C-alpha atoms as a PDB file:
ATOM      1  CA  MET A   1     114.314 -20.803-110.455  1.00  0.00           C
ATOM      2  CA  SER A   2     114.577 -17.623-112.535  1.00  0.00           C
ATOM      3  CA  HIS A   3     118.362 -18.151-112.708  1.00  0.00           C
ATOM      4  CA  PHE A   4     117.734 -21.603-114.172  1.00  0.00           C
ATOM      5  CA  LEU A   5     115.320 -20.220-116.760  1.00  0.00           C
ATOM      6  CA  THR A   6     117.762 -17.493-117.707  1.00  0.00           C
ATOM      7  CA  LYS A   7     120.601 -19.997-118.014  1.00  0.00           C
ATOM      8  CA  SER A   8     118.328 -22.298-120.030  1.00  0.00           C
ATOM      9  CA  ALA A   9     117.357 -19.436-122.316  1.00  0.00           C
ATOM     10  CA  LEU A  10     121.050 -18.572-122.827  1.00  0.00           C
ATOM     11  CA  ILE A  11     121.886 -22.166-123.691  1.00  0.00           C
ATOM     12  CA  ASN A  12     118.979 -22.296-126.106  1.00  0.00           C
ATOM     13  CA  THR A  13     119.974 -18.997-127.703  1.00  0.00           C
ATOM     14  CA  GLU A  14     123.528 -20.240-128.206  1.00  0.00           C
ATOM     15  CA  THR A  15     122.268 -23.526-129.664  1.00  0.00           C
ATOM     16  CA  PHE A  16     119.967 -21.647-132.032  1.00  0.00           C
ATOM     17  CA  ARG A  17     122.835 -19.383-133.196  1.00  0.00           C
ATOM     18  CA  LYS A  18     124.964 -22.419-134.009  1.00  0.00           C
ATOM     19  CA  GLY A  19     122.274 -23.546-136.458  1.00  0.00           C
ATOM     20  CA  LYS A  20     121.108 -26.479-134.378  1.00  0.00           C
ATOM     21  CA  ALA A  21     117.508 -27.148-133.423  1.00  0.00           C
ATOM     22  CA  ALA A  22     116.396 -25.146-130.415  1.00  0.00           C
ATOM     23  CA  ILE A  23     116.363 -27.118-127.185  1.00  0.00           C
ATOM     24  CA  LEU A  24     113.275 -25.312-125.907  1.00  0.00           C
ATOM     25  CA  GLN A  25     110.935 -28.171-125.178  1.00  0.00           C
ATOM     26  CA  THR A  26     107.891 -26.949-123.337  1.00  0.00           C
ATOM     27  CA  ASP A  27     105.180 -24.694-124.634  1.00  0.00           C
ATOM     28  CA  SER A  28     105.840 -22.415-121.705  1.00  0.00           C
ATOM     29  CA  GLU A  29     109.514 -21.992-122.623  1.00  0.00           C
ATOM     30  CA  LEU A  30     108.668 -21.329-126.269  1.00  0.00           C
ATOM     31  CA  VAL A  31     105.951 -18.809-125.404  1.00  0.00           C
ATOM     32  CA  LYS A  32     108.259 -16.952-123.020  1.00  0.00           C
ATOM     33  CA  ALA A  33     111.036 -16.903-125.626  1.00  0.00           C
ATOM     34  CA  VAL A  34     108.664 -15.492-128.271  1.00  0.00           C
ATOM     35  CA  LEU A  35     107.471 -12.844-125.825  1.00  0.00           C
ATOM     36  CA  ASN A  36     111.114 -11.978-125.074  1.00  0.00           C
ATOM     37  CA  GLY A  37     111.776 -11.173-128.714  1.00  0.00           C
ATOM     38  CA  ARG A  38     112.540 -14.587-130.231  1.00  0.00           C
ATOM     39  CA  LYS A  39     109.570 -14.319-132.602  1.00  0.00           C
ATOM     40  CA  GLU A  40     111.008 -16.902-135.000  1.00  0.00           C
ATOM     41  CA  LEU A  41     110.383 -19.590-132.350  1.00  0.00           C
ATOM     42  CA  PHE A  42     106.638 -19.202-132.860  1.00  0.00           C
ATOM     43  CA  ALA A  43     107.199 -21.417-135.919  1.00  0.00           C
ATOM     44  CA  GLU A  44     107.998 -24.264-133.510  1.00  0.00           C
ATOM     45  CA  LEU A  45     104.620 -23.797-131.818  1.00  0.00           C
ATOM     46  CA  VAL A  46     102.947 -23.775-135.239  1.00  0.00           C
ATOM     47  CA  LYS A  47     104.716 -26.995-136.185  1.00  0.00           C
ATOM     48  CA  ARG A  48     103.766 -28.570-132.863  1.00  0.00           C
ATOM     49  CA  TYR A  49     100.063 -27.664-133.041  1.00  0.00           C
ATOM     50  CA  GLU A  50      99.334 -27.482-136.765  1.00  0.00           C
ATOM     51  CA  LYS A  51      97.596 -30.876-136.957  1.00  0.00           C
ATOM     52  CA  PRO A  52      95.615 -30.689-133.687  1.00  0.00           C
ATOM     53  CA  VAL A  53      94.349 -27.195-134.544  1.00  0.00           C
ATOM     54  CA  ARG A  54      93.304 -28.267-138.042  1.00  0.00           C
ATOM     55  CA  ALA A  55      91.617 -31.367-136.595  1.00  0.00           C
ATOM     56  CA  ALA A  56      89.649 -29.250-134.109  1.00  0.00           C
ATOM     57  CA  ALA A  57      88.436 -26.960-136.901  1.00  0.00           C
ATOM     58  CA  LEU A  58      87.700 -29.925-139.175  1.00  0.00           C
ATOM     59  CA  ASN A  59      85.623 -31.528-136.431  1.00  0.00           C
ATOM     60  CA  VAL A  60      83.367 -28.466-136.369  1.00  0.00           C
ATOM     61  CA  LEU A  61      83.312 -27.621-140.084  1.00  0.00           C
ATOM     62  CA  GLY A  62      83.621 -30.986-141.825  1.00  0.00           C
ATOM     63  CA  ASN A  63      85.581 -29.334-144.662  1.00  0.00           C
ATOM     64  CA  TYR A  64      89.357 -29.748-144.898  1.00  0.00           C
ATOM     65  CA  HIS A  65      90.045 -26.556-146.858  1.00  0.00           C
ATOM     66  CA  LEU A  66      87.925 -24.384-144.569  1.00  0.00           C
ATOM     67  CA  ALA A  67      89.574 -26.022-141.562  1.00  0.00           C
ATOM     68  CA  ALA A  68      93.022 -25.206-142.976  1.00  0.00           C
ATOM     69  CA  ASP A  69      92.006 -21.561-143.437  1.00  0.00           C
ATOM     70  CA  ILE A  70      90.560 -21.398-139.935  1.00  0.00           C
ATOM     71  CA  SER A  71      93.696 -22.935-138.431  1.00  0.00           C
ATOM     72  CA  GLN A  72      95.839 -20.254-140.100  1.00  0.00           C
ATOM     73  CA  ASP A  73      93.527 -17.573-138.714  1.00  0.00           C
ATOM     74  CA  ALA A  74      93.776 -19.169-135.263  1.00  0.00           C
ATOM     75  CA  PHE A  75      97.589 -19.085-135.349  1.00  0.00           C
ATOM     76  CA  VAL A  76      97.578 -15.436-136.420  1.00  0.00           C
ATOM     77  CA  ARG A  77      95.172 -14.555-133.592  1.00  0.00           C
ATOM     78  CA  ALA A  78      97.224 -16.547-131.086  1.00  0.00           C
ATOM     79  CA  TYR A  79     100.377 -14.718-132.152  1.00  0.00           C
ATOM     80  CA  GLU A  80      98.650 -11.349-131.823  1.00  0.00           C
ATOM     81  CA  LYS A  81      97.153 -12.203-128.417  1.00  0.00           C
ATOM     82  CA  LEU A  82     100.144 -14.092-127.024  1.00  0.00           C
ATOM     83  CA  PRO A  83     100.969 -11.340-124.484  1.00  0.00           C
ATOM     84  CA  SER A  84      97.487 -11.810-122.981  1.00  0.00           C
ATOM     85  CA  LEU A  85      98.041 -15.527-122.308  1.00  0.00           C
ATOM     86  CA  ARG A  86      98.175 -15.775-118.531  1.00  0.00           C
ATOM     87  CA  LYS A  87      99.520 -19.340-118.325  1.00  0.00           C
ATOM     88  CA  PRO A  88     102.132 -20.007-121.007  1.00  0.00           C
ATOM     89  CA  ASP A  89     102.021 -23.734-120.224  1.00  0.00           C
ATOM     90  CA  ALA A  90      98.339 -23.714-121.329  1.00  0.00           C
ATOM     91  CA  PHE A  91      99.209 -22.539-124.847  1.00  0.00           C
ATOM     92  CA  GLY A  92      97.897 -25.699-126.556  1.00  0.00           C
ATOM     93  CA  PRO A  93      94.395 -25.743-125.053  1.00  0.00           C
ATOM     94  CA  TRP A  94      94.170 -21.956-125.473  1.00  0.00           C
ATOM     95  CA  LEU A  95      95.059 -22.226-129.163  1.00  0.00           C
ATOM     96  CA  ILE A  96      92.582 -25.081-129.728  1.00  0.00           C
ATOM     97  CA  LYS A  97      89.882 -22.972-128.076  1.00  0.00           C
ATOM     98  CA  ILE A  98      90.648 -20.091-130.449  1.00  0.00           C
ATOM     99  CA  ALA A  99      90.451 -22.453-133.434  1.00  0.00           C
ATOM    100  CA  LYS A 100      87.134 -23.926-132.288  1.00  0.00           C
ATOM    101  CA  ARG A 101      85.691 -20.454-131.731  1.00  0.00           C
ATOM    102  CA  PHE A 102      86.736 -19.388-135.236  1.00  0.00           C
ATOM    103  CA  ALA A 103      85.335 -22.615-136.708  1.00  0.00           C
ATOM    104  CA  VAL A 104      81.988 -22.148-134.959  1.00  0.00           C
ATOM    105  CA  GLU A 105      81.798 -18.571-136.239  1.00  0.00           C
ATOM    106  CA  GLN A 106      82.566 -19.823-139.748  1.00  0.00           C
ATOM    107  CA  ALA A 107      79.872 -22.503-139.449  1.00  0.00           C
ATOM    108  CA  LYS A 108      77.340 -19.925-138.270  1.00  0.00           C
ATOM    109  CA  GLN A 109      78.279 -17.631-141.145  1.00  0.00           C
ATOM    110  CA  ARG A 110      77.865 -20.470-143.661  1.00  0.00           C
ATOM    111  CA  LEU A 111      74.511 -21.299-142.108  1.00  0.00           C
ATOM    112  CA  ARG A 112      73.355 -17.677-142.447  1.00  0.00           C
ATOM    113  CA  GLU A 113      74.601 -17.490-146.036  1.00  0.00           C
ATOM    114  CA  ASN A 114      72.946 -20.766-147.032  1.00  0.00           C
ATOM    115  CA  ARG A 115      69.664 -19.950-145.347  1.00  0.00           C
ATOM    116  CA  PRO A 116      67.022 -19.216-147.952  1.00  0.00           C
ATOM    117  CA  ASN A 117      65.980 -15.587-148.030  1.00  0.00           C
ATOM    118  CA  LEU A 118      62.288 -16.365-147.970  1.00  0.00           C
ATOM    119  CA  ASP A 119      59.642 -14.667-145.958  1.00  0.00           C
ATOM    120  CA  ILE A 120      57.972 -17.573-144.187  1.00  0.00           C
ATOM    121  CA  SER A 121      54.557 -15.973-144.625  1.00  0.00           C
ATOM    122  CA  GLU A 122      54.993 -16.268-148.413  1.00  0.00           C
ATOM    123  CA  VAL A 123      55.680 -19.976-148.139  1.00  0.00           C
ATOM    124  CA  VAL A 124      52.805 -20.586-145.759  1.00  0.00           C
ATOM    125  CA  GLU A 125      50.184 -18.258-147.234  1.00  0.00           C
ATOM    126  CA  LYS A 126      51.077 -18.667-150.925  1.00  0.00           C
ATOM    127  CA  PRO A 127      52.311 -22.213-151.463  1.00  0.00           C
ATOM    128  CA  ASN A 128      54.193 -22.743-154.692  1.00  0.00           C
ATOM    129  CA  GLY A 129      53.497 -26.452-154.786  1.00  0.00           C
ATOM    130  CA  GLN A 130      56.726 -27.509-153.045  1.00  0.00           C
ATOM    131  CA  LEU A 131      55.246 -27.837-149.578  1.00  0.00           C
ATOM    132  CA  ASN A 132      52.026 -29.612-148.829  1.00  0.00           C
ATOM    133  CA  GLU A 133      49.643 -28.177-146.260  1.00  0.00           C
ATOM    134  CA  ASP A 134      50.974 -30.278-143.354  1.00  0.00           C
ATOM    135  CA  LYS A 135      54.576 -29.238-144.000  1.00  0.00           C
ATOM    136  CA  GLN A 136      53.572 -25.593-144.259  1.00  0.00           C
ATOM    137  CA  TRP A 137      51.760 -25.895-140.959  1.00  0.00           C
ATOM    138  CA  LEU A 138      54.761 -27.519-139.280  1.00  0.00           C
ATOM    139  CA  LEU A 139      57.242 -25.016-140.738  1.00  0.00           C
ATOM    140  CA  ALA A 140      55.064 -22.119-139.589  1.00  0.00           C
ATOM    141  CA  ALA A 141      55.054 -23.610-136.071  1.00  0.00           C
ATOM    142  CA  VAL A 142      58.859 -24.037-136.098  1.00  0.00           C
ATOM    143  CA  MET A 143      59.280 -20.409-137.109  1.00  0.00           C
ATOM    144  CA  LYS A 144      57.359 -19.384-133.958  1.00  0.00           C
ATOM    145  CA  LEU A 145      59.983 -20.990-131.700  1.00  0.00           C
ATOM    146  CA  PRO A 146      62.555 -18.832-129.880  1.00  0.00           C
ATOM    147  CA  GLU A 147      65.653 -18.346-132.043  1.00  0.00           C
ATOM    148  CA  ALA A 148      67.936 -20.742-130.130  1.00  0.00           C
ATOM    149  CA  GLU A 149      65.383 -23.568-130.282  1.00  0.00           C
ATOM    150  CA  ARG A 150      64.543 -22.791-133.910  1.00  0.00           C
ATOM    151  CA  GLN A 151      68.238 -23.032-134.861  1.00  0.00           C
ATOM    152  CA  VAL A 152      68.588 -26.388-133.139  1.00  0.00           C
ATOM    153  CA  VAL A 153      65.428 -27.795-134.740  1.00  0.00           C
ATOM    154  CA  MET A 154      66.378 -26.549-138.197  1.00  0.00           C
ATOM    155  CA  LEU A 155      69.895 -27.976-137.982  1.00  0.00           C
ATOM    156  CA  HIS A 156      68.813 -31.292-136.474  1.00  0.00           C
ATOM    157  CA  TYR A 157      65.629 -32.115-138.344  1.00  0.00           C
ATOM    158  CA  PHE A 158      65.802 -30.067-141.522  1.00  0.00           C
ATOM    159  CA  GLY A 159      69.591 -30.094-141.893  1.00  0.00           C
ATOM    160  CA  GLN A 160      69.779 -33.762-140.873  1.00  0.00           C
ATOM    161  CA  ASN A 161      72.653 -33.195-138.434  1.00  0.00           C
ATOM    162  CA  ASN A 162      73.072 -35.356-135.358  1.00  0.00           C
ATOM    163  CA  VAL A 163      73.084 -33.754-131.914  1.00  0.00           C
ATOM    164  CA  ALA A 164      76.893 -33.753-131.652  1.00  0.00           C
ATOM    165  CA  ASP A 165      77.217 -31.992-135.027  1.00  0.00           C
ATOM    166  CA  VAL A 166      74.641 -29.383-134.031  1.00  0.00           C
ATOM    167  CA  ALA A 167      76.562 -28.801-130.800  1.00  0.00           C
ATOM    168  CA  GLY A 168      79.779 -28.305-132.759  1.00  0.00           C
ATOM    169  CA  ILE A 169      78.200 -25.947-135.280  1.00  0.00           C
ATOM    170  CA  LEU A 170      76.598 -23.782-132.620  1.00  0.00           C
ATOM    171  CA  GLY A 171      79.424 -24.004-130.094  1.00  0.00           C
ATOM    172  CA  ARG A 172      77.201 -25.414-127.374  1.00  0.00           C
ATOM    173  CA  SER A 173      77.446 -28.587-125.334  1.00  0.00           C
ATOM    174  CA  VAL A 174      75.636 -31.755-126.389  1.00  0.00           C
ATOM    175  CA  GLY A 175      73.609 -31.547-123.171  1.00  0.00           C
ATOM    176  CA  THR A 176      72.453 -28.030-124.003  1.00  0.00           C
ATOM    177  CA  ILE A 177      71.419 -29.076-127.528  1.00  0.00           C
ATOM    178  CA  THR A 178      69.528 -32.103-126.181  1.00  0.00           C
ATOM    179  CA  LYS A 179      67.699 -29.908-123.672  1.00  0.00           C
ATOM    180  CA  GLN A 180      66.864 -27.304-126.347  1.00  0.00           C
ATOM    181  CA  LEU A 181      65.505 -30.018-128.659  1.00  0.00           C
ATOM    182  CA  SER A 182      63.366 -31.380-125.843  1.00  0.00           C
ATOM    183  CA  ARG A 183      62.004 -27.938-125.004  1.00  0.00           C
ATOM    184  CA  ALA A 184      61.394 -27.218-128.688  1.00  0.00           C
ATOM    185  CA  ARG A 185      59.367 -30.449-129.091  1.00  0.00           C
ATOM    186  CA  ILE A 186      57.194 -29.551-126.091  1.00  0.00           C
ATOM    187  CA  ARG A 187      56.736 -26.005-127.348  1.00  0.00           C
ATOM    188  CA  LEU A 188      55.946 -27.228-130.890  1.00  0.00           C
ATOM    189  CA  ARG A 189      53.359 -29.649-129.550  1.00  0.00           C
ATOM    190  CA  LYS A 190      51.635 -26.782-127.726  1.00  0.00           C
ATOM    191  CA  ILE A 191      51.807 -24.488-130.783  1.00  0.00           C
ATOM    192  CA  LEU A 192      50.361 -27.185-133.019  1.00  0.00           C
ATOM    193  CA  GLU A 193      47.597 -28.066-130.528  1.00  0.00           C
ATOM    194  CA  ARG A 194      46.575 -24.399-130.296  1.00  0.00           C
ATOM    195  CA  SER A 195      46.473 -24.019-134.052  1.00  0.00           C
ATOM    196  CA  GLU A 196      44.200 -27.088-134.400  1.00  0.00           C
ATOM    197  CA  LYS A 197      41.503 -25.467-132.246  1.00  0.00           C
END
C-alpha cells in the first residue's frame, strides 16, 4: 500500500512539474502531500472547500462579508494545524468545524459588543420613560436567570431569533436551546410569582 502511495505521489509530482493539473484527487492525498512539503497544493483544498466553508460561516453569522473573513481565518488555522489532523481523509468536516467555531466566536463577540452597557438596576429603579413598569419587572426577572438561560431568552425573545438561529449563534444544539428556554420559562414564572407576594 505504501509503495502505491509513493508511486502515486511520484506520478503526481511529475504531472505537476509538467504544468498540468495535479492528479491528487482525495483530501487525504492532498493533505499528505502538503505535509510532505508540497505546500502549494493547499490551494487545491482551499478551492475545493471555499464555498462550503463560507456557507457554514454564513449560516451562523447571516452576513456574507463576515462569513468571508471567517472562512479565510478558518483556512489559515487549518493550514497551521494541519499536522495535528489525525485522519487526513476527514479534512473537510474538520475544516467546517473550525469555520463554525470561528463563526460562533464572532457571533458571541458581536453580541457582547452590541449589548447595551447599562446597569440593569438603573433601568429598573430609575425608569427613563422607555420601559413601562411591567417591562421593567420582566427584564429584572430575566436578569436574575443563570447566564446560559439569560442568553437564550435574550436572543430568542428580545433579539427575535428563532431557536435554530440561537443554537447557531451560541454553538449549541437545537435540543439544548429548547431545553434551556423551557427551564428559563419555569424559572421566570417562579421568580415573577415570588416578586408578586
